[in-house]
Amino acid sequence: MKSHKLSLLLVTGLTLTAAAACGSDDGDDGGRPGAASGGTAPVSISVNCEPPKTNKAQRATFEEDLAAFQKENPDIKISKVTDAFPCYDPRTFEPKLASGDLETVFFVNFPNVGRLIESGQAADITPYVDEIKTFPDYNSSIDLFKKDGKIYGLPTDGYGMGLVYNKEVFTKAGLDPNTPPKTWAEVRAAAKKIAELGPGYVGYGEYSGNNVGGWHFTASIYGRGGSVITPDGKKAAFNTPEGKAVLENLHQMRWVDNSMGSQLYIDWPALMKAMAGGKMGMMLGAPDVLIALRNDFGGKFENYAITAQPEAKALFNGGAGYMINPKATPEQIKAGLKWIEYEFLTPGKGQLDYVRAKGANLTVGQPYPDLYRPDTPSGQAVDELRKANANIDAAQFAGWVEGSRGIPPKAEPGPYAQEIYKVLDTPMSAVLTRKDADIDQLLSDAEAKVNSLLASKS
């Protein structure tokens, strides 16, 4: 569920119509074959996930890329561009999916990839990927978009979890920002000291709804060595000592330590806004959270750092990419893939134009799980460009880089992760709103609901 990227990704059954896929009022020509081969009009596509107006720099570079891309490809018309913040929000994505209003080229987070492939809601792009110059250089992240030898989308970023913290707040609380917590006991102790600074200070922030509550429960239980579903994907696996430990820790911080405040952070922007406000000490997040705090919420970038997730036995990994509407014509698929390649996959262009990013005062040099194998031309080009144009303090990310090294990655819980996260929102919310919350009962109830969900999918 990331913002973008590595981030903190961070994560994204019905029939779609071709017209709806491109927007009913955007003037698309339906991608008529003649349009792309010298007819009267260019092939028309629609795309989503434009940076919001509040992120002026990234929105400006995105719009600059739209214009440059269409000038470079006069046979392609991007007739409609939809912004979104965040790019995946179940409250808007699911209704658009159900009504057939998704764009030709649409953002998808990793947990949604499998179900969209299974339900036929993403185009098979296999015949066209050879036209993408960097495609042979992909690392294993591309495997998530494959099924039965076919390819249904392209990853464009990824993320791994850690502990984000405010160095200035740590200093005010008498904590050493250069030695952040390494255990959950240390997190609790630090959070309590921060909360004791006075009104408005929150030691530790956590999500409680809109699927992001369940998302963070998953990250937390993974870190403790647990799982959300069984390896075969048929049963819930979180009603365990590890799952109970996650909820008990939050309940103790909220009601015994009084270090979490009384406000609920139901969705992704709510907690991010609170963290950017300068009075919150810690939250779980990926390295790209620091970038979003700066670019999207006006946080003071130099105040933040990220270290490894405390006591992590597995590192929650996620990410996002793009898929094509299954009713798109071959010409629209080719055009859509050209846009994805230009904006997200070409070293020196789009999101990988680090020279421009540096000039626009955007951050360059933060650690991202890369898309390309390091021994490939694309991987080497991205690495060289990023190093040559780095403009951030690597020390802000060093704790995460060093502390996460060697921790095995663990993917999100299957193709129905978003539906599972929705169920897990309930126990997360309950322990933060009810002092008398029965954690055993909450886990048992959630387990029954997830088992029923998974049974209905089999």
Protein backbone atom coordinates (compact mmCIF):
# COMPACT_ATOMS: atom_id res chain seq x y z
CA MET A 1 0.00 0.00 0.00
CA LYS A 2 2.68 2.22 -0.66
CA SER A 3 2.64 5.40 -1.77
CA HIS A 4 4.56 4.72 -4.69
CA LYS A 5 7.23 2.58 -4.91
CA LEU A 6 9.18 0.35 -2.80
CA SER A 7 7.55 1.86 -1.17
CA LEU A 8 5.36 1.63 0.99
CA LEU A 9 3.75 -0.04 -1.66
CA LEU A 10 3.71 -0.17 -1.53
CA VAL A 11 -0.32 -2.69 -2.75
CA THR A 12 -3.80 -3.34 -5.92
CA GLY A 13 -15.11 -10.83 -11.08
CA LEU A 14 -16.68 -8.79 -13.75
CA THR A 15 -16.72 -7.86 -17.38
CA LEU A 16 -15.30 -4.61 -18.66
CA THR A 17 -16.33 -2.81 -21.80
CA ALA A 18 -13.84 -1.20 -24.12
CA ALA A 19 -15.53 2.16 -23.86
CA ALA A 20 -15.63 2.09 -20.09
CA ALA A 21 -12.01 1.02 -19.95
CA CYS A 22 -11.00 4.30 -21.51
CA GLY A 23 -13.61 6.43 -19.79
CA SER A 24 -17.05 7.08 -21.18
CA ASP A 25 -16.49 10.78 -21.73
CA ASP A 26 -12.88 11.06 -22.75
CA GLY A 27 -13.31 11.02 -26.50
CA ASP A 28 -11.45 7.74 -27.08
CA ASP A 29 -11.75 6.36 -30.58
CA GLY A 30 -11.77 2.81 -29.22
CA GLY A 31 -8.28 2.17 -30.53
CA ARG A 32 -9.42 1.39 -34.07
CA PRO A 33 -6.79 -0.62 -35.97
CA GLY A 34 -6.54 2.05 -38.62
CA ALA A 35 -5.68 4.63 -36.01
CA ALA A 36 -2.28 3.14 -35.24
CA SER A 37 -1.39 2.26 -38.82
CA GLY A 38 -1.76 5.57 -40.57
CA GLY A 39 -5.54 6.10 -40.34
CA THR A 40 -7.33 9.34 -39.51
CA ALA A 41 -6.66 9.33 -35.78
CA PRO A 42 -4.05 8.00 -33.35
CA VAL A 43 -4.83 5.08 -31.09
CA SER A 44 -6.36 6.45 -27.91
CA ILE A 45 -5.68 5.23 -24.37
CA SER A 46 -6.37 6.39 -20.82
CA VAL A 47 -4.05 6.03 -17.83
CA ASN A 48 -4.28 6.56 -14.09
CA CYS A 49 -2.09 7.23 -11.06
CA GLU A 50 -1.01 10.77 -11.92
CA PRO A 51 0.60 12.35 -8.83
CA PRO A 52 -1.86 14.59 -6.98
CA LYS A 53 -1.87 18.37 -7.28
CA THR A 54 -0.48 18.62 -3.76
CA ASN A 55 2.72 16.96 -5.03
CA LYS A 56 3.62 19.78 -7.40
CA ALA A 57 7.08 18.62 -8.44
CA GLN A 58 6.18 15.04 -9.30
CA ARG A 59 2.94 16.09 -10.96
CA ALA A 60 4.87 18.55 -13.12
CA THR A 61 7.40 15.93 -14.22
CA PHE A 62 4.60 13.46 -14.92
CA GLU A 63 2.78 15.95 -17.15
CA GLU A 64 6.06 16.81 -18.83
CA ASP A 65 6.47 13.11 -19.59
CA LEU A 66 2.94 12.87 -20.98
CA ALA A 67 3.68 15.64 -23.45
CA ALA A 68 7.11 14.29 -24.40
CA PHE A 69 5.78 10.77 -24.85
CA GLN A 70 2.99 11.85 -27.18
CA LYS A 71 5.38 14.02 -29.18
CA GLU A 72 7.71 11.04 -29.52
CA ASN A 73 4.74 8.80 -30.40
CA PRO A 74 2.38 10.88 -32.56
CA ASP A 75 0.31 7.77 -33.31
CA ILE A 76 -0.71 7.53 -29.62
CA LYS A 77 -3.14 9.85 -27.87
CA ILE A 78 -3.42 9.73 -24.08
CA SER A 79 -6.93 11.07 -24.00
CA LYS A 80 -7.63 10.81 -20.28
CA VAL A 81 -5.38 10.90 -17.23
CA THR A 82 -6.76 10.22 -13.76
CA ASP A 83 -4.95 11.26 -10.61
CA ALA A 84 -5.32 9.26 -7.44
CA PHE A 85 -4.07 9.56 -3.90
CA PRO A 86 -3.18 6.91 -3.03
CA CYS A 87 -3.10 5.15 -6.38
CA TYR A 88 -4.82 2.13 -4.88
CA ASP A 89 -7.72 2.86 -2.58
CA PRO A 90 -10.25 0.01 -2.25
CA ARG A 91 -13.06 2.52 -1.80
CA THR A 92 -12.55 3.80 -5.34
CA PHE A 93 -10.72 0.98 -7.14
CA GLU A 94 -13.28 -1.73 -6.42
CA PRO A 95 -16.34 0.26 -7.59
CA LYS A 96 -14.48 1.28 -10.77
CA LEU A 97 -13.52 -2.34 -11.35
CA ALA A 98 -17.10 -3.48 -10.82
CA SER A 99 -18.62 -0.81 -13.05
CA GLY A 100 -16.11 -1.16 -15.87
CA ASP A 101 -14.63 2.31 -15.39
CA LEU A 102 -10.96 1.37 -15.06
CA GLU A 103 -8.56 3.07 -17.43
CA THR A 104 -6.82 1.33 -20.32
CA VAL A 105 -3.59 1.31 -18.31
CA PHE A 106 -4.24 0.93 -14.61
CA PHE A 107 -2.17 0.79 -11.43
CA VAL A 108 -2.31 -2.43 -9.43
CA ASN A 109 -0.66 -3.34 -6.14
CA PHE A 110 0.82 -6.80 -5.74
CA PRO A 111 -1.99 -8.37 -3.65
CA ASN A 112 -4.51 -7.69 -6.41
CA VAL A 113 -2.45 -9.10 -9.28
CA GLY A 114 -3.37 -12.74 -8.78
CA ARG A 115 -7.11 -12.24 -8.47
CA LEU A 116 -7.27 -9.97 -11.53
CA ILE A 117 -5.44 -12.60 -13.56
CA GLU A 118 -7.70 -15.37 -12.25
CA SER A 119 -10.88 -13.42 -13.01
CA GLY A 120 -9.80 -12.36 -16.50
CA GLN A 121 -9.64 -8.69 -15.63
CA ALA A 122 -6.18 -8.06 -17.08
CA ALA A 123 -5.05 -8.38 -20.68
CA ASP A 124 -2.57 -11.04 -21.76
CA ILE A 125 0.42 -8.97 -22.88
CA THR A 126 2.68 -11.92 -23.72
CA PRO A 127 2.71 -11.31 -27.50
CA TYR A 128 3.95 -7.74 -27.01
CA VAL A 129 6.62 -7.80 -24.28
CA ASP A 130 9.43 -8.45 -26.76
CA GLU A 131 8.96 -4.85 -27.89
CA ILE A 132 10.00 -3.59 -24.42
CA LYS A 133 13.76 -3.12 -24.59
CA THR A 134 14.41 -3.58 -20.88
CA PHE A 135 12.11 -6.57 -20.41
CA PRO A 136 14.89 -9.22 -20.58
CA ASP A 137 16.61 -7.49 -17.65
CA TYR A 138 13.75 -7.91 -15.15
CA ASN A 139 14.50 -9.68 -11.91
CA SER A 140 12.13 -12.18 -10.27
CA SER A 141 9.55 -9.45 -9.55
CA ILE A 142 8.08 -10.14 -12.99
CA ASP A 143 7.09 -13.65 -11.90
CA LEU A 144 4.14 -12.35 -9.91
CA PHE A 145 2.53 -11.20 -13.16
CA LYS A 146 2.90 -14.58 -14.86
CA LYS A 147 0.50 -17.50 -14.99
CA ASP A 148 0.63 -20.63 -17.12
CA GLY A 149 3.42 -19.20 -19.24
CA LYS A 150 1.60 -15.94 -19.96
CA ILE A 151 2.30 -12.40 -18.74
CA TYR A 152 -0.43 -10.06 -17.52
CA GLY A 153 1.33 -6.95 -16.34
CA LEU A 154 4.61 -5.26 -15.44
CA PRO A 155 5.98 -4.41 -11.98
CA THR A 156 7.21 -0.84 -11.60
CA ASP A 157 8.29 -0.65 -7.96
CA GLY A 158 8.57 -2.55 -4.70
CA TYR A 159 9.13 -2.09 -1.00
CA GLY A 160 10.21 -3.76 2.23
CA MET A 161 9.04 -2.76 5.72
CA GLY A 162 11.00 -1.07 8.49
CA LEU A 163 10.53 1.31 11.42
CA VAL A 164 10.20 4.97 10.41
CA TYR A 165 11.01 7.49 13.13
CA ASN A 166 11.33 11.23 13.71
CA LYS A 167 14.87 12.08 14.83
CA GLU A 168 13.90 15.53 16.14
CA VAL A 169 11.15 14.05 18.30
CA PHE A 170 13.57 11.42 19.59
CA THR A 171 16.01 14.14 20.62
CA LYS A 172 13.30 16.15 22.38
CA ALA A 173 12.35 13.03 24.35
CA GLY A 174 15.94 12.40 25.42
CA LEU A 175 16.36 9.46 23.05
CA ASP A 176 19.39 8.94 20.83
CA PRO A 177 18.26 9.15 17.16
CA ASN A 178 21.43 7.31 16.15
CA THR A 179 20.44 4.22 18.15
CA PRO A 180 16.75 3.60 17.32
CA PRO A 181 14.83 0.71 18.90
CA LYS A 182 15.80 -2.82 17.92
CA THR A 183 13.17 -4.67 19.96
CA TRP A 184 9.46 -4.15 20.57
CA ALA A 185 10.21 -3.60 24.24
CA GLU A 186 12.49 -0.73 23.22
CA VAL A 187 9.77 0.61 20.91
CA ARG A 188 7.33 0.65 23.82
CA ALA A 189 9.78 2.41 26.10
CA ALA A 190 10.65 5.03 23.47
CA ALA A 191 6.99 5.60 22.60
CA LYS A 192 6.14 6.22 26.25
CA LYS A 193 8.90 8.82 26.62
CA ILE A 194 7.72 10.61 23.47
CA ALA A 195 4.10 10.69 24.62
CA GLU A 196 5.25 12.21 27.91
CA LEU A 197 6.50 15.30 26.01
CA GLY A 198 2.99 16.70 26.31
CA PRO A 199 -0.31 17.25 24.48
CA GLY A 200 -0.32 16.27 20.82
CA TYR A 201 2.70 14.00 21.03
CA VAL A 202 2.17 10.39 19.94
CA GLY A 203 4.87 7.84 20.54
CA TYR A 204 3.76 5.27 18.00
CA GLY A 205 1.12 5.47 15.26
CA GLU A 206 -0.78 2.62 13.68
CA TYR A 207 -3.50 2.05 11.09
CA SER A 208 -6.93 0.78 12.07
CA GLY A 209 -9.10 0.55 8.95
CA ASN A 210 -9.61 0.76 5.20
CA ASN A 211 -7.52 -2.41 4.67
CA VAL A 212 -4.32 -0.71 5.82
CA GLY A 213 -4.97 -1.89 9.37
CA GLY A 214 -4.89 -5.49 8.18
CA TRP A 215 -1.92 -4.69 5.99
CA HIS A 216 0.13 -3.55 8.97
CA PHE A 217 -1.08 -6.49 11.06
CA THR A 218 0.40 -8.67 8.32
CA ALA A 219 3.71 -6.82 8.36
CA SER A 220 3.84 -7.15 12.14
CA ILE A 221 3.01 -10.85 12.34
CA TYR A 222 5.52 -11.61 9.57
CA GLY A 223 8.17 -9.82 11.60
CA ARG A 224 7.36 -12.00 14.61
CA GLY A 225 7.74 -15.14 12.51
CA GLY A 226 4.05 -15.81 11.90
CA SER A 227 1.84 -16.03 8.82
CA VAL A 228 -1.59 -14.85 7.77
CA ILE A 229 -2.58 -17.87 5.67
CA THR A 230 -1.32 -21.43 5.39
CA PRO A 231 1.23 -22.24 2.65
CA ASP A 232 -1.50 -23.77 0.47
CA GLY A 233 -3.59 -20.60 0.80
CA LYS A 234 -6.65 -22.48 2.03
CA LYS A 235 -6.81 -21.55 5.72
CA ALA A 236 -6.14 -18.64 8.06
CA ALA A 237 -2.91 -18.94 10.04
CA PHE A 238 -2.88 -15.83 12.25
CA ASN A 239 -4.78 -17.09 15.33
CA THR A 240 -1.46 -17.95 16.92
CA PRO A 241 0.89 -16.71 19.64
CA GLU A 242 2.50 -14.42 17.04
CA GLY A 243 -0.83 -12.90 16.07
CA LYS A 244 -1.81 -12.46 19.69
CA ALA A 245 1.53 -10.79 20.43
CA VAL A 246 0.90 -8.18 17.73
CA LEU A 247 -2.46 -7.18 19.20
CA GLU A 248 -1.37 -7.39 22.83
CA ASN A 249 1.57 -5.10 22.15
CA LEU A 250 -0.68 -2.48 20.57
CA HIS A 251 -3.25 -2.82 23.35
CA GLN A 252 -0.56 -2.31 26.00
CA MET A 253 0.87 0.76 24.26
CA ARG A 254 -2.61 2.25 23.81
CA TRP A 255 -4.16 1.57 27.22
CA VAL A 256 -1.32 0.96 29.69
CA ASP A 257 1.42 3.24 28.34
CA ASN A 258 -0.96 5.82 26.79
CA SER A 259 1.65 6.27 24.07
CA MET A 260 -0.53 5.98 20.96
CA GLY A 261 -2.92 8.85 21.48
CA SER A 262 -6.67 8.54 21.05
CA GLN A 263 -7.05 9.31 17.35
CA LEU A 264 -7.74 6.52 14.89
CA TYR A 265 -5.79 6.52 11.63
CA ILE A 266 -8.25 4.73 9.42
CA ASP A 267 -6.58 5.21 6.05
CA TRP A 268 -3.11 5.67 4.59
CA PRO A 269 -3.13 9.48 4.27
CA ALA A 270 -4.35 9.96 7.85
CA LEU A 271 -1.34 8.36 9.53
CA MET A 272 1.07 9.88 7.03
CA LYS A 273 -0.34 13.35 7.70
CA ALA A 274 0.03 12.81 11.44
CA MET A 275 3.63 11.63 11.04
CA ALA A 276 4.45 14.64 8.87
CA GLY A 277 3.02 16.95 11.52
CA GLY A 278 6.16 16.60 13.62
CA LYS A 279 4.74 15.25 16.88
CA MET A 280 4.64 11.51 16.16
CA GLY A 281 7.66 9.41 17.01
CA MET A 282 7.39 6.12 15.11
CA MET A 283 5.40 4.03 12.65
CA LEU A 284 5.95 1.00 10.48
CA GLY A 285 6.75 1.85 6.87
CA ALA A 286 9.07 1.37 3.94
CA PRO A 287 11.96 3.64 2.87
CA ASP A 288 9.74 5.48 0.42
CA VAL A 289 7.60 6.69 3.31
CA LEU A 290 10.28 9.32 3.94
CA ILE A 291 9.82 10.55 0.38
CA ALA A 292 6.04 10.66 0.64
CA LEU A 293 6.25 12.53 3.94
CA ARG A 294 8.30 15.18 2.13
CA ASN A 295 6.61 15.34 -1.25
CA ASP A 296 2.97 14.65 -0.41
CA PHE A 297 2.54 15.85 3.17
CA GLY A 298 5.06 18.65 3.65
CA GLY A 299 7.14 16.90 6.26
CA LYS A 300 10.66 18.11 7.04
CA PHE A 301 12.62 15.41 5.23
CA GLU A 302 15.84 15.68 7.21
CA ASN A 303 13.98 14.93 10.45
CA TYR A 304 13.10 11.39 9.43
CA ALA A 305 15.00 8.13 9.26
CA ILE A 306 14.20 4.46 8.88
CA THR A 307 15.69 1.47 10.60
CA ALA A 308 15.02 -2.26 10.44
CA GLN A 309 11.74 -3.62 11.70
CA PRO A 310 12.30 -4.68 15.34
CA GLU A 311 13.20 -8.35 15.89
CA ALA A 312 12.13 -9.18 12.33
CA LYS A 313 12.29 -12.84 11.36
CA ALA A 314 10.79 -12.12 7.93
CA LEU A 315 10.54 -8.89 5.95
CA PHE A 316 7.16 -7.99 4.51
CA ASN A 317 7.68 -7.26 0.80
CA GLY A 318 5.18 -5.78 -1.57
CA GLY A 319 5.00 -3.47 -4.52
CA ALA A 320 2.99 -2.38 -7.51
CA GLY A 321 2.85 -2.29 -11.26
CA TYR A 322 0.51 -1.76 -14.17
CA MET A 323 -1.94 -3.91 -16.08
CA ILE A 324 -3.94 -3.37 -19.25
CA ASN A 325 -7.71 -3.46 -19.56
CA PRO A 326 -8.66 -6.89 -20.99
CA LYS A 327 -10.97 -5.32 -23.59
CA ALA A 328 -8.21 -3.15 -25.02
CA THR A 329 -7.45 -3.71 -28.69
CA PRO A 330 -4.01 -4.98 -29.72
CA GLU A 331 -3.15 -1.43 -30.75
CA GLN A 332 -4.18 -0.09 -27.35
CA ILE A 333 -2.17 -2.79 -25.57
CA LYS A 334 0.93 -1.87 -27.57
CA ALA A 335 0.36 1.82 -26.88
CA GLY A 336 -0.21 1.20 -23.18
CA LEU A 337 2.96 -0.84 -22.88
CA LYS A 338 4.92 1.89 -24.65
CA TRP A 339 3.71 4.36 -22.02
CA ILE A 340 4.62 2.04 -19.13
CA GLU A 341 8.06 1.48 -20.67
CA TYR A 342 8.65 5.20 -21.17
CA GLU A 343 7.47 6.36 -17.75
CA PHE A 344 8.63 3.56 -15.47
CA LEU A 345 11.13 1.21 -17.11
CA THR A 346 13.65 3.21 -19.15
CA PRO A 347 16.89 4.32 -17.44
CA GLY A 348 17.20 8.09 -17.78
CA LYS A 349 13.49 8.68 -18.52
CA GLY A 350 10.30 9.05 -16.50
CA GLN A 351 10.65 7.87 -12.92
CA LEU A 352 14.24 6.82 -13.69
CA ASP A 353 15.30 10.28 -14.91
CA TYR A 354 17.49 11.03 -11.92
CA VAL A 355 19.15 14.04 -13.54
CA ARG A 356 15.79 15.78 -13.87
CA ALA A 357 14.66 14.60 -10.44
CA LYS A 358 17.71 16.15 -8.84
CA GLY A 359 17.16 19.40 -10.73
CA ALA A 360 13.52 19.47 -9.61
CA ASN A 361 14.62 19.07 -5.98
CA LEU A 362 13.13 15.61 -5.78
CA THR A 363 15.00 13.04 -3.73
CA VAL A 364 17.51 10.78 -5.46
CA GLY A 365 19.52 8.01 -3.87
CA GLN A 366 17.10 6.38 -1.44
CA PRO A 367 17.23 2.56 -1.44
CA TYR A 368 14.61 0.88 -3.58
CA PRO A 369 14.22 -2.81 -4.33
CA ASP A 370 15.30 -2.61 -7.97
CA LEU A 371 13.35 -4.01 -10.90
CA TYR A 372 16.37 -5.20 -12.83
CA ARG A 373 19.04 -7.76 -12.09
CA PRO A 374 22.23 -5.96 -11.05
CA ASP A 375 24.34 -7.69 -13.70
CA THR A 376 22.17 -6.47 -16.60
CA PRO A 377 22.63 -3.32 -18.72
CA SER A 378 19.44 -1.82 -17.29
CA GLY A 379 20.38 -2.63 -13.71
CA GLN A 380 23.83 -1.14 -14.11
CA ALA A 381 22.53 1.98 -15.84
CA VAL A 382 19.96 2.67 -13.11
CA ASP A 383 22.54 2.15 -10.36
CA GLU A 384 25.08 4.45 -12.01
CA LEU A 385 22.54 7.21 -12.66
CA ARG A 386 21.20 7.03 -9.13
CA LYS A 387 24.63 7.19 -7.53
CA ALA A 388 25.77 10.04 -9.79
CA ASN A 389 22.76 12.19 -8.89
CA ALA A 390 22.18 11.28 -5.25
CA ASN A 391 21.10 14.29 -3.18
CA ILE A 392 19.98 12.71 0.11
CA ASP A 393 21.79 11.73 3.26
CA ALA A 394 22.34 8.00 3.00
CA ALA A 395 22.59 7.85 6.78
CA GLN A 396 18.83 8.34 7.00
CA PHE A 397 18.38 4.94 5.39
CA ALA A 398 21.50 3.15 6.63
CA GLY A 399 19.79 1.50 9.59
CA TRP A 400 17.22 -0.06 7.29
CA VAL A 401 19.76 -1.13 4.67
CA GLU A 402 22.09 -2.76 7.19
CA GLY A 403 19.46 -4.09 9.56
CA SER A 404 17.31 -5.65 6.84
CA ARG A 405 20.18 -7.40 5.12
CA GLY A 406 19.74 -11.15 5.32
CA ILE A 407 16.15 -11.08 6.61
CA PRO A 408 14.13 -13.35 4.29
CA PRO A 409 11.44 -11.56 2.29
CA LYS A 410 7.83 -12.66 2.60
CA ALA A 411 5.13 -11.80 0.08
CA GLU A 412 1.64 -10.55 0.79
CA PRO A 413 -0.93 -13.24 1.65
CA GLY A 414 -2.16 -14.49 -1.69
CA PRO A 415 -4.57 -13.19 -4.32
CA TYR A 416 -7.25 -12.29 -1.78
CA ALA A 417 -4.98 -10.22 0.46
CA GLN A 418 -7.14 -7.11 0.27
CA GLU A 419 -10.22 -9.01 1.42
CA ILE A 420 -8.20 -10.57 4.23
CA TYR A 421 -6.85 -7.17 5.25
CA LYS A 422 -10.43 -5.90 5.50
CA VAL A 423 -11.25 -8.67 7.97
CA LEU A 424 -8.10 -7.97 9.97
CA ASP A 425 -8.98 -4.28 10.24
CA THR A 426 -11.52 -5.27 12.91
CA PRO A 427 -9.14 -6.64 15.55
CA MET A 428 -6.68 -3.82 14.84
CA SER A 429 -9.39 -1.22 15.39
CA ALA A 430 -10.80 -3.02 18.42
CA VAL A 431 -7.59 -3.07 20.45
CA LEU A 432 -7.12 0.64 19.81
CA THR A 433 -10.69 1.65 20.69
CA ARG A 434 -11.71 -0.75 23.46
CA LYS A 435 -9.81 -1.12 26.70
CA ASP A 436 -11.70 -4.36 27.37
CA ALA A 437 -11.03 -5.84 23.91
CA ASP A 438 -11.00 -9.65 24.01
CA ILE A 439 -8.00 -10.45 21.83
CA ASP A 440 -8.59 -14.21 21.78
CA GLN A 441 -12.17 -13.70 20.62
CA LEU A 442 -11.15 -11.10 18.05
CA LEU A 443 -8.63 -13.48 16.50
CA SER A 444 -11.07 -16.37 16.59
CA ASP A 445 -13.80 -14.35 14.87
CA ALA A 446 -11.40 -13.06 12.23
CA GLU A 447 -10.07 -16.58 11.65
CA ALA A 448 -13.59 -17.88 11.01
CA LYS A 449 -14.30 -15.07 8.54
CA VAL A 450 -11.06 -15.58 6.61
CA ASN A 451 -11.58 -19.36 6.49
CA SER A 452 -15.05 -18.78 5.09
CA LEU A 453 -13.67 -16.30 2.57
CA LEU A 454 -10.97 -18.70 1.38
CA ALA A 455 -13.43 -21.60 1.21
CA SER A 456 -15.70 -19.54 -1.02
CA LYS A 457 -12.81 -18.93 -3.42
CA SER A 458 -11.83 -22.57 -3.81
